[in-house]
Amino acid sequence: MAFWQLTRLRVVYPALLFFLLFVDGSLMAGMGGILTAFPWYILPTLTLVWLFYAVQFEVDKDMPFWLYVILIGILFDMYYTGIFGTYTLAFIAAVAVMKQLHKILDERLLSGISIFLIGLIVYLVVTYSAGFIIGIANVSLVTFFVFEVLPTAVLNIIVVTICYYPTWSLFQFLK
């Protein structure tokens, strides 16, 4: 791999990751009335989707991927919650699970959707557990899975499916 190709990936990937951090917040701010209409609570997780694509298309080996995961978790905590560690731990746990599942499953779209779905559930359960421990989450586990995890999974799986092949093409171009 030529140096300029490696540099392209090392510049484009974190720049888009950082950009998607703010797109997540902008979507919630701009479409909060729609995404949080009672009783549903839909959470766009474009940042996690972008981390999933790095795992799925194996570009995580060409850059300091875990550093990006930790940094984006810290930025997420600072920008959205102000409670240090919740999203950092959630991102680390979700990406670790997705990396382990990627060793078992292949790069086909359905396998990728399964990997992302399990990673998303880990991410949401970690954030719910942290919220429950500190007293912020006051809904039952069934309500959480039916009214937050299910609609969040549907929205984000649609995003993953639509952007799967264009992202694959982008990574092929950057490699």
N, C-alpha and C. Protein backbone atom coordinates (compact mmCIF):
# COMPACT_ATOMS: atom_id res chain seq x y z
N MET A 1 0.85 -1.18 0.00
CA MET A 1 0.00 0.00 0.00
C MET A 1 0.89 1.24 0.00
N ALA A 2 0.61 2.15 -0.89
CA ALA A 2 1.40 3.38 -1.00
C ALA A 2 1.11 4.30 0.18
N PHE A 3 2.08 5.14 0.51
CA PHE A 3 1.94 6.04 1.65
C PHE A 3 0.75 6.98 1.48
N TRP A 4 0.52 7.50 0.28
CA TRP A 4 -0.57 8.45 0.08
C TRP A 4 -1.92 7.77 0.26
N GLN A 5 -2.00 6.46 -0.08
CA GLN A 5 -3.25 5.75 0.14
C GLN A 5 -3.50 5.55 1.63
N LEU A 6 -2.47 5.19 2.36
CA LEU A 6 -2.59 5.01 3.80
C LEU A 6 -2.96 6.32 4.47
N THR A 7 -2.35 7.39 4.01
CA THR A 7 -2.63 8.71 4.56
C THR A 7 -4.07 9.13 4.26
N ARG A 8 -4.54 8.83 3.06
CA ARG A 8 -5.93 9.17 2.71
C ARG A 8 -6.90 8.53 3.68
N LEU A 9 -6.71 7.25 3.94
CA LEU A 9 -7.60 6.55 4.86
C LEU A 9 -7.47 7.11 6.27
N ARG A 10 -6.26 7.41 6.69
CA ARG A 10 -6.03 7.94 8.04
C ARG A 10 -6.56 9.35 8.22
N VAL A 11 -6.79 10.06 7.13
CA VAL A 11 -7.34 11.42 7.21
C VAL A 11 -8.86 11.40 7.03
N VAL A 12 -9.33 10.68 6.04
CA VAL A 12 -10.76 10.68 5.71
C VAL A 12 -11.58 9.99 6.79
N TYR A 13 -11.11 8.84 7.27
CA TYR A 13 -11.91 8.08 8.25
C TYR A 13 -12.17 8.88 9.53
N PRO A 14 -11.13 9.41 10.22
CA PRO A 14 -11.43 10.15 11.45
C PRO A 14 -12.18 11.45 11.19
N ALA A 15 -11.96 12.07 10.04
CA ALA A 15 -12.69 13.31 9.73
C ALA A 15 -14.18 13.02 9.60
N LEU A 16 -14.52 11.95 8.90
CA LEU A 16 -15.94 11.59 8.78
C LEU A 16 -16.51 11.10 10.11
N LEU A 17 -15.71 10.42 10.90
CA LEU A 17 -16.16 9.98 12.22
C LEU A 17 -16.50 11.17 13.10
N PHE A 18 -15.63 12.16 13.10
CA PHE A 18 -15.85 13.38 13.88
C PHE A 18 -17.07 14.14 13.34
N PHE A 19 -17.22 14.20 12.04
CA PHE A 19 -18.38 14.85 11.42
C PHE A 19 -19.67 14.15 11.81
N LEU A 20 -19.67 12.81 11.79
CA LEU A 20 -20.88 12.06 12.14
C LEU A 20 -21.25 12.19 13.61
N LEU A 21 -20.28 12.47 14.45
CA LEU A 21 -20.57 12.75 15.86
C LEU A 21 -21.54 13.92 15.96
N PHE A 22 -21.29 14.97 15.19
CA PHE A 22 -22.15 16.14 15.22
C PHE A 22 -23.42 15.96 14.40
N VAL A 23 -23.39 15.12 13.39
CA VAL A 23 -24.61 14.82 12.64
C VAL A 23 -25.61 14.09 13.53
N ASP A 24 -25.10 13.18 14.38
CA ASP A 24 -25.99 12.50 15.34
C ASP A 24 -26.73 13.52 16.21
N GLY A 25 -25.99 14.46 16.75
CA GLY A 25 -26.60 15.48 17.60
C GLY A 25 -27.53 16.39 16.83
N SER A 26 -27.15 16.75 15.60
CA SER A 26 -28.00 17.62 14.80
C SER A 26 -29.31 16.94 14.41
N LEU A 27 -29.24 15.65 14.13
CA LEU A 27 -30.47 14.91 13.82
C LEU A 27 -31.42 14.89 15.02
N MET A 28 -30.84 14.66 16.20
CA MET A 28 -31.68 14.64 17.39
C MET A 28 -32.23 16.03 17.71
N ALA A 29 -31.43 17.07 17.47
CA ALA A 29 -31.90 18.43 17.74
C ALA A 29 -32.94 18.86 16.71
N GLY A 30 -32.70 18.56 15.45
CA GLY A 30 -33.61 19.02 14.40
C GLY A 30 -34.86 18.18 14.26
N MET A 31 -34.72 16.88 14.51
CA MET A 31 -35.86 15.98 14.32
C MET A 31 -36.31 15.36 15.64
N GLY A 32 -35.97 16.01 16.74
CA GLY A 32 -36.30 15.46 18.06
C GLY A 32 -37.78 15.23 18.26
N GLY A 33 -38.61 16.12 17.72
CA GLY A 33 -40.05 15.95 17.86
C GLY A 33 -40.57 14.70 17.18
N ILE A 34 -39.95 14.34 16.07
CA ILE A 34 -40.35 13.13 15.33
C ILE A 34 -39.74 11.88 15.95
N LEU A 35 -38.44 11.97 16.25
CA LEU A 35 -37.72 10.78 16.74
C LEU A 35 -38.08 10.42 18.18
N THR A 36 -38.59 11.37 18.93
CA THR A 36 -38.94 11.07 20.32
C THR A 36 -40.44 11.23 20.58
N ALA A 37 -41.25 11.06 19.56
CA ALA A 37 -42.70 11.14 19.73
C ALA A 37 -43.17 9.99 20.62
N PHE A 38 -43.99 10.32 21.61
CA PHE A 38 -44.45 9.32 22.57
C PHE A 38 -45.16 8.19 21.86
N PRO A 39 -44.93 6.96 22.16
CA PRO A 39 -44.06 6.36 23.18
C PRO A 39 -42.67 5.98 22.65
N TRP A 40 -42.42 6.26 21.38
CA TRP A 40 -41.17 5.82 20.76
C TRP A 40 -40.01 6.75 21.11
N TYR A 41 -38.83 6.17 21.13
CA TYR A 41 -37.61 6.95 21.29
C TYR A 41 -36.58 6.35 20.34
N ILE A 42 -36.41 7.00 19.20
CA ILE A 42 -35.52 6.49 18.16
C ILE A 42 -34.21 7.26 18.22
N LEU A 43 -33.12 6.55 18.28
CA LEU A 43 -31.80 7.15 18.44
C LEU A 43 -30.96 6.88 17.19
N PRO A 44 -30.67 7.90 16.38
CA PRO A 44 -29.76 7.66 15.25
C PRO A 44 -28.33 7.48 15.77
N THR A 45 -27.69 6.41 15.36
CA THR A 45 -26.34 6.13 15.83
C THR A 45 -25.38 6.05 14.64
N LEU A 46 -25.27 7.15 13.91
CA LEU A 46 -24.42 7.16 12.72
C LEU A 46 -22.95 6.98 13.08
N THR A 47 -22.56 7.41 14.25
CA THR A 47 -21.17 7.24 14.70
C THR A 47 -20.86 5.75 14.87
N LEU A 48 -21.77 5.02 15.48
CA LEU A 48 -21.58 3.58 15.64
C LEU A 48 -21.63 2.88 14.29
N VAL A 49 -22.47 3.36 13.40
CA VAL A 49 -22.54 2.78 12.04
C VAL A 49 -21.19 2.92 11.35
N TRP A 50 -20.56 4.09 11.47
CA TRP A 50 -19.27 4.32 10.83
C TRP A 50 -18.18 3.43 11.45
N LEU A 51 -18.23 3.23 12.76
CA LEU A 51 -17.29 2.31 13.41
C LEU A 51 -17.53 0.88 12.94
N PHE A 52 -18.79 0.52 12.76
CA PHE A 52 -19.14 -0.81 12.25
C PHE A 52 -18.55 -1.04 10.85
N TYR A 53 -18.66 -0.02 9.99
CA TYR A 53 -18.13 -0.16 8.64
C TYR A 53 -16.62 -0.41 8.66
N ALA A 54 -15.91 0.22 9.57
CA ALA A 54 -14.46 -0.02 9.67
C ALA A 54 -14.17 -1.47 10.06
N VAL A 55 -14.98 -2.00 10.95
CA VAL A 55 -14.80 -3.40 11.35
C VAL A 55 -15.21 -4.33 10.21
N GLN A 56 -16.34 -4.07 9.62
CA GLN A 56 -16.88 -4.95 8.58
C GLN A 56 -15.99 -5.02 7.35
N PHE A 57 -15.45 -3.88 6.94
CA PHE A 57 -14.64 -3.84 5.72
C PHE A 57 -13.14 -3.91 6.01
N GLU A 58 -12.80 -4.22 7.26
CA GLU A 58 -11.44 -4.48 7.71
C GLU A 58 -10.46 -3.35 7.42
N VAL A 59 -10.92 -2.12 7.56
CA VAL A 59 -10.00 -0.99 7.43
C VAL A 59 -9.45 -0.60 8.80
N ASP A 60 -9.94 -1.24 9.85
CA ASP A 60 -9.46 -0.93 11.20
C ASP A 60 -8.00 -1.34 11.40
N LYS A 61 -7.50 -2.21 10.54
CA LYS A 61 -6.11 -2.66 10.67
C LYS A 61 -5.12 -1.65 10.11
N ASP A 62 -5.59 -0.71 9.30
CA ASP A 62 -4.71 0.24 8.62
C ASP A 62 -4.58 1.57 9.35
N MET A 63 -5.13 1.68 10.54
CA MET A 63 -5.10 2.96 11.26
C MET A 63 -5.21 2.68 12.77
N PRO A 64 -4.98 3.68 13.60
CA PRO A 64 -5.12 3.50 15.05
C PRO A 64 -6.60 3.48 15.47
N PHE A 65 -7.27 2.41 15.12
CA PHE A 65 -8.72 2.32 15.25
C PHE A 65 -9.20 2.43 16.69
N TRP A 66 -8.56 1.72 17.61
CA TRP A 66 -9.01 1.74 19.00
C TRP A 66 -8.84 3.12 19.62
N LEU A 67 -7.83 3.84 19.19
CA LEU A 67 -7.67 5.22 19.64
C LEU A 67 -8.86 6.07 19.19
N TYR A 68 -9.30 5.86 17.95
CA TYR A 68 -10.47 6.59 17.45
C TYR A 68 -11.73 6.22 18.23
N VAL A 69 -11.86 4.94 18.56
CA VAL A 69 -13.04 4.50 19.32
C VAL A 69 -13.06 5.17 20.70
N ILE A 70 -11.93 5.18 21.37
CA ILE A 70 -11.86 5.78 22.70
C ILE A 70 -12.09 7.29 22.62
N LEU A 71 -11.44 7.95 21.67
CA LEU A 71 -11.60 9.40 21.53
C LEU A 71 -13.03 9.79 21.19
N ILE A 72 -13.66 9.04 20.31
CA ILE A 72 -15.05 9.39 19.94
C ILE A 72 -15.97 9.12 21.12
N GLY A 73 -15.67 8.10 21.93
CA GLY A 73 -16.46 7.86 23.14
C GLY A 73 -16.32 9.00 24.13
N ILE A 74 -15.10 9.48 24.32
CA ILE A 74 -14.88 10.61 25.23
C ILE A 74 -15.58 11.86 24.71
N LEU A 75 -15.44 12.13 23.40
CA LEU A 75 -16.12 13.30 22.82
C LEU A 75 -17.64 13.18 22.93
N PHE A 76 -18.15 11.98 22.73
CA PHE A 76 -19.58 11.74 22.84
C PHE A 76 -20.05 12.03 24.26
N ASP A 77 -19.27 11.54 25.24
CA ASP A 77 -19.61 11.81 26.65
C ASP A 77 -19.59 13.30 26.95
N MET A 78 -18.57 13.98 26.49
CA MET A 78 -18.46 15.41 26.77
C MET A 78 -19.54 16.22 26.06
N TYR A 79 -19.82 15.87 24.83
CA TYR A 79 -20.73 16.65 24.01
C TYR A 79 -22.20 16.40 24.35
N TYR A 80 -22.56 15.16 24.66
CA TYR A 80 -23.97 14.83 24.83
C TYR A 80 -24.42 14.67 26.28
N THR A 81 -23.64 13.98 27.10
CA THR A 81 -24.14 13.67 28.45
C THR A 81 -23.44 14.43 29.56
N GLY A 82 -22.17 14.67 29.42
CA GLY A 82 -21.41 15.29 30.50
C GLY A 82 -21.03 14.29 31.58
N ILE A 83 -21.43 13.04 31.41
CA ILE A 83 -21.09 11.98 32.37
C ILE A 83 -19.99 11.15 31.72
N PHE A 84 -18.79 11.27 32.23
CA PHE A 84 -17.65 10.61 31.60
C PHE A 84 -17.70 9.10 31.76
N GLY A 85 -17.54 8.38 30.66
CA GLY A 85 -17.38 6.95 30.69
C GLY A 85 -18.53 6.15 30.13
N THR A 86 -19.73 6.71 30.12
CA THR A 86 -20.89 5.93 29.68
C THR A 86 -20.76 5.53 28.21
N TYR A 87 -20.65 6.51 27.34
CA TYR A 87 -20.57 6.21 25.92
C TYR A 87 -19.20 5.68 25.52
N THR A 88 -18.17 6.05 26.25
CA THR A 88 -16.85 5.50 25.98
C THR A 88 -16.88 3.99 26.17
N LEU A 89 -17.43 3.55 27.28
CA LEU A 89 -17.56 2.12 27.54
C LEU A 89 -18.51 1.46 26.53
N ALA A 90 -19.59 2.14 26.18
CA ALA A 90 -20.55 1.58 25.23
C ALA A 90 -19.92 1.38 23.85
N PHE A 91 -19.18 2.38 23.38
CA PHE A 91 -18.52 2.24 22.08
C PHE A 91 -17.48 1.13 22.11
N ILE A 92 -16.68 1.07 23.17
CA ILE A 92 -15.65 0.03 23.27
C ILE A 92 -16.29 -1.35 23.30
N ALA A 93 -17.33 -1.53 24.10
CA ALA A 93 -17.98 -2.83 24.20
C ALA A 93 -18.63 -3.23 22.88
N ALA A 94 -19.33 -2.30 22.23
CA ALA A 94 -20.01 -2.61 20.97
C ALA A 94 -19.00 -2.96 19.88
N VAL A 95 -17.93 -2.20 19.77
CA VAL A 95 -16.92 -2.47 18.74
C VAL A 95 -16.20 -3.78 19.03
N ALA A 96 -15.90 -4.06 20.29
CA ALA A 96 -15.24 -5.33 20.63
C ALA A 96 -16.12 -6.51 20.26
N VAL A 97 -17.41 -6.42 20.53
CA VAL A 97 -18.34 -7.50 20.16
C VAL A 97 -18.42 -7.64 18.64
N MET A 98 -18.49 -6.51 17.94
CA MET A 98 -18.57 -6.56 16.48
C MET A 98 -17.30 -7.16 15.88
N LYS A 99 -16.14 -6.84 16.45
CA LYS A 99 -14.88 -7.41 15.95
C LYS A 99 -14.83 -8.92 16.17
N GLN A 100 -15.31 -9.38 17.32
CA GLN A 100 -15.33 -10.81 17.58
C GLN A 100 -16.30 -11.54 16.66
N LEU A 101 -17.45 -10.94 16.43
CA LEU A 101 -18.43 -11.56 15.52
C LEU A 101 -17.95 -11.55 14.07
N HIS A 102 -17.17 -10.53 13.71
CA HIS A 102 -16.66 -10.45 12.34
C HIS A 102 -15.69 -11.60 12.04
N LYS A 103 -15.03 -12.11 13.07
CA LYS A 103 -14.14 -13.26 12.88
C LYS A 103 -14.93 -14.51 12.51
N ILE A 104 -16.18 -14.58 12.99
CA ILE A 104 -17.01 -15.76 12.75
C ILE A 104 -17.81 -15.62 11.46
N LEU A 105 -18.38 -14.44 11.24
CA LEU A 105 -19.23 -14.21 10.07
C LEU A 105 -18.43 -13.56 8.95
N ASP A 106 -18.99 -13.57 7.75
CA ASP A 106 -18.26 -13.04 6.60
C ASP A 106 -18.72 -11.61 6.27
N GLU A 107 -18.35 -11.13 5.08
CA GLU A 107 -18.61 -9.74 4.72
C GLU A 107 -19.90 -9.53 3.93
N ARG A 108 -20.74 -10.52 3.86
CA ARG A 108 -22.00 -10.34 3.14
C ARG A 108 -22.92 -9.39 3.89
N LEU A 109 -23.86 -8.83 3.18
CA LEU A 109 -24.75 -7.82 3.76
C LEU A 109 -25.54 -8.37 4.95
N LEU A 110 -26.12 -9.55 4.82
CA LEU A 110 -26.92 -10.10 5.92
C LEU A 110 -26.06 -10.38 7.15
N SER A 111 -24.87 -10.88 6.94
CA SER A 111 -23.96 -11.10 8.07
C SER A 111 -23.59 -9.76 8.71
N GLY A 112 -23.35 -8.76 7.88
CA GLY A 112 -23.04 -7.43 8.39
C GLY A 112 -24.17 -6.84 9.20
N ILE A 113 -25.39 -7.02 8.73
CA ILE A 113 -26.55 -6.52 9.47
C ILE A 113 -26.66 -7.22 10.82
N SER A 114 -26.39 -8.52 10.84
CA SER A 114 -26.43 -9.26 12.11
C SER A 114 -25.36 -8.76 13.07
N ILE A 115 -24.16 -8.55 12.54
CA ILE A 115 -23.07 -8.04 13.38
C ILE A 115 -23.44 -6.67 13.93
N PHE A 116 -23.95 -5.80 13.07
CA PHE A 116 -24.31 -4.46 13.53
C PHE A 116 -25.44 -4.50 14.54
N LEU A 117 -26.45 -5.33 14.31
CA LEU A 117 -27.58 -5.41 15.23
C LEU A 117 -27.13 -5.83 16.62
N ILE A 118 -26.29 -6.83 16.69
CA ILE A 118 -25.81 -7.28 18.00
C ILE A 118 -24.94 -6.20 18.65
N GLY A 119 -24.09 -5.54 17.86
CA GLY A 119 -23.28 -4.45 18.39
C GLY A 119 -24.14 -3.29 18.88
N LEU A 120 -25.19 -2.98 18.13
CA LEU A 120 -26.11 -1.90 18.53
C LEU A 120 -26.83 -2.25 19.83
N ILE A 121 -27.26 -3.48 19.96
CA ILE A 121 -27.94 -3.90 21.20
C ILE A 121 -26.97 -3.82 22.38
N VAL A 122 -25.72 -4.24 22.19
CA VAL A 122 -24.72 -4.12 23.26
C VAL A 122 -24.54 -2.65 23.63
N TYR A 123 -24.42 -1.79 22.63
CA TYR A 123 -24.26 -0.35 22.85
C TYR A 123 -25.43 0.22 23.66
N LEU A 124 -26.65 -0.11 23.27
CA LEU A 124 -27.83 0.43 23.95
C LEU A 124 -27.98 -0.15 25.35
N VAL A 125 -27.68 -1.42 25.53
CA VAL A 125 -27.79 -2.05 26.85
C VAL A 125 -26.75 -1.47 27.81
N VAL A 126 -25.55 -1.22 27.33
CA VAL A 126 -24.52 -0.61 28.19
C VAL A 126 -24.95 0.79 28.62
N THR A 127 -25.48 1.59 27.69
CA THR A 127 -25.91 2.94 28.06
C THR A 127 -27.12 2.89 28.98
N TYR A 128 -28.04 1.95 28.75
CA TYR A 128 -29.19 1.80 29.65
C TYR A 128 -28.74 1.37 31.04
N SER A 129 -27.81 0.41 31.09
CA SER A 129 -27.32 -0.08 32.39
C SER A 129 -26.63 1.03 33.17
N ALA A 130 -25.82 1.82 32.48
CA ALA A 130 -25.15 2.94 33.15
C ALA A 130 -26.18 3.95 33.65
N GLY A 131 -27.17 4.23 32.83
CA GLY A 131 -28.24 5.15 33.26
C GLY A 131 -29.04 4.59 34.41
N PHE A 132 -29.27 3.29 34.43
CA PHE A 132 -30.02 2.66 35.52
C PHE A 132 -29.22 2.70 36.82
N ILE A 133 -27.91 2.48 36.71
CA ILE A 133 -27.05 2.48 37.90
C ILE A 133 -27.01 3.86 38.55
N ILE A 134 -26.92 4.91 37.74
CA ILE A 134 -26.83 6.25 38.32
C ILE A 134 -28.20 6.92 38.51
N GLY A 135 -29.27 6.21 38.16
CA GLY A 135 -30.61 6.69 38.45
C GLY A 135 -31.25 7.56 37.38
N ILE A 136 -30.71 7.56 36.17
CA ILE A 136 -31.31 8.36 35.09
C ILE A 136 -32.37 7.56 34.35
N ALA A 137 -32.12 6.29 34.10
CA ALA A 137 -33.06 5.44 33.37
C ALA A 137 -34.13 4.95 34.33
N ASN A 138 -35.36 5.37 34.10
CA ASN A 138 -36.44 4.98 35.00
C ASN A 138 -37.55 4.23 34.27
N VAL A 139 -37.19 3.49 33.23
CA VAL A 139 -38.16 2.67 32.52
C VAL A 139 -37.80 1.20 32.72
N SER A 140 -38.79 0.36 32.58
CA SER A 140 -38.54 -1.07 32.74
C SER A 140 -37.75 -1.59 31.55
N LEU A 141 -37.19 -2.76 31.71
CA LEU A 141 -36.39 -3.37 30.66
C LEU A 141 -37.24 -3.69 29.42
N VAL A 142 -38.46 -4.16 29.65
CA VAL A 142 -39.36 -4.48 28.52
C VAL A 142 -39.71 -3.21 27.76
N THR A 143 -40.04 -2.15 28.46
CA THR A 143 -40.35 -0.87 27.82
C THR A 143 -39.14 -0.37 27.05
N PHE A 144 -37.97 -0.51 27.63
CA PHE A 144 -36.74 -0.09 26.96
C PHE A 144 -36.55 -0.85 25.65
N PHE A 145 -36.70 -2.16 25.67
CA PHE A 145 -36.50 -2.95 24.45
C PHE A 145 -37.58 -2.69 23.40
N VAL A 146 -38.81 -2.53 23.81
CA VAL A 146 -39.90 -2.35 22.85
C VAL A 146 -39.93 -0.94 22.28
N PHE A 147 -39.75 0.06 23.11
CA PHE A 147 -39.95 1.44 22.65
C PHE A 147 -38.66 2.20 22.34
N GLU A 148 -37.49 1.65 22.68
CA GLU A 148 -36.25 2.31 22.28
C GLU A 148 -35.38 1.42 21.40
N VAL A 149 -35.10 0.20 21.84
CA VAL A 149 -34.19 -0.66 21.08
C VAL A 149 -34.79 -1.05 19.73
N LEU A 150 -36.04 -1.46 19.72
CA LEU A 150 -36.66 -1.91 18.46
C LEU A 150 -36.72 -0.80 17.41
N PRO A 151 -37.28 0.39 17.70
CA PRO A 151 -37.30 1.42 16.66
C PRO A 151 -35.90 1.94 16.30
N THR A 152 -35.00 1.99 17.27
CA THR A 152 -33.62 2.41 16.99
C THR A 152 -32.96 1.40 16.06
N ALA A 153 -33.17 0.13 16.31
CA ALA A 153 -32.59 -0.90 15.45
C ALA A 153 -33.15 -0.82 14.03
N VAL A 154 -34.44 -0.59 13.90
CA VAL A 154 -35.05 -0.49 12.57
C VAL A 154 -34.44 0.67 11.78
N LEU A 155 -34.39 1.84 12.39
CA LEU A 155 -33.84 3.01 11.69
C LEU A 155 -32.38 2.79 11.30
N ASN A 156 -31.58 2.31 12.22
CA ASN A 156 -30.15 2.18 11.95
C ASN A 156 -29.84 1.03 11.01
N ILE A 157 -30.64 -0.02 11.01
CA ILE A 157 -30.44 -1.10 10.04
C ILE A 157 -30.78 -0.62 8.64
N ILE A 158 -31.80 0.22 8.52
CA ILE A 158 -32.11 0.82 7.22
C ILE A 158 -30.93 1.67 6.74
N VAL A 159 -30.35 2.46 7.63
CA VAL A 159 -29.20 3.29 7.26
C VAL A 159 -28.01 2.41 6.86
N VAL A 160 -27.74 1.36 7.64
CA VAL A 160 -26.63 0.46 7.33
C VAL A 160 -26.84 -0.20 5.97
N THR A 161 -28.06 -0.62 5.70
CA THR A 161 -28.35 -1.31 4.44
C THR A 161 -28.20 -0.37 3.25
N ILE A 162 -28.71 0.83 3.37
CA ILE A 162 -28.64 1.78 2.26
C ILE A 162 -27.20 2.21 1.98
N CYS A 163 -26.43 2.41 3.02
CA CYS A 163 -25.06 2.93 2.87
C CYS A 163 -23.99 1.85 2.78
N TYR A 164 -24.36 0.58 2.82
CA TYR A 164 -23.40 -0.51 2.87
C TYR A 164 -22.47 -0.53 1.66
N TYR A 165 -23.03 -0.62 0.47
CA TYR A 165 -22.20 -0.72 -0.73
C TYR A 165 -21.52 0.60 -1.10
N PRO A 166 -22.16 1.76 -0.94
CA PRO A 166 -21.40 2.99 -1.18
C PRO A 166 -20.21 3.15 -0.24
N THR A 167 -20.36 2.74 1.01
CA THR A 167 -19.24 2.82 1.96
C THR A 167 -18.16 1.82 1.59
N TRP A 168 -18.55 0.64 1.17
CA TRP A 168 -17.59 -0.34 0.71
C TRP A 168 -16.78 0.21 -0.46
N SER A 169 -17.47 0.86 -1.39
CA SER A 169 -16.79 1.47 -2.54
C SER A 169 -15.83 2.56 -2.10
N LEU A 170 -16.26 3.38 -1.13
CA LEU A 170 -15.38 4.44 -0.62
C LEU A 170 -14.12 3.84 0.00
N PHE A 171 -14.27 2.81 0.80
CA PHE A 171 -13.10 2.20 1.43
C PHE A 171 -12.19 1.53 0.40
N GLN A 172 -12.78 0.95 -0.66
CA GLN A 172 -11.96 0.38 -1.72
C GLN A 172 -11.16 1.46 -2.43
N PHE A 173 -11.76 2.63 -2.60
CA PHE A 173 -11.07 3.75 -3.23
C PHE A 173 -9.95 4.28 -2.33
N LEU A 174 -10.21 4.32 -1.02
CA LEU A 174 -9.23 4.87 -0.09
C LEU A 174 -8.09 3.90 0.23
N LYS A 175 -8.34 2.61 0.02
CA LYS A 175 -7.29 1.61 0.33
C LYS A 175 -6.21 1.63 -0.72
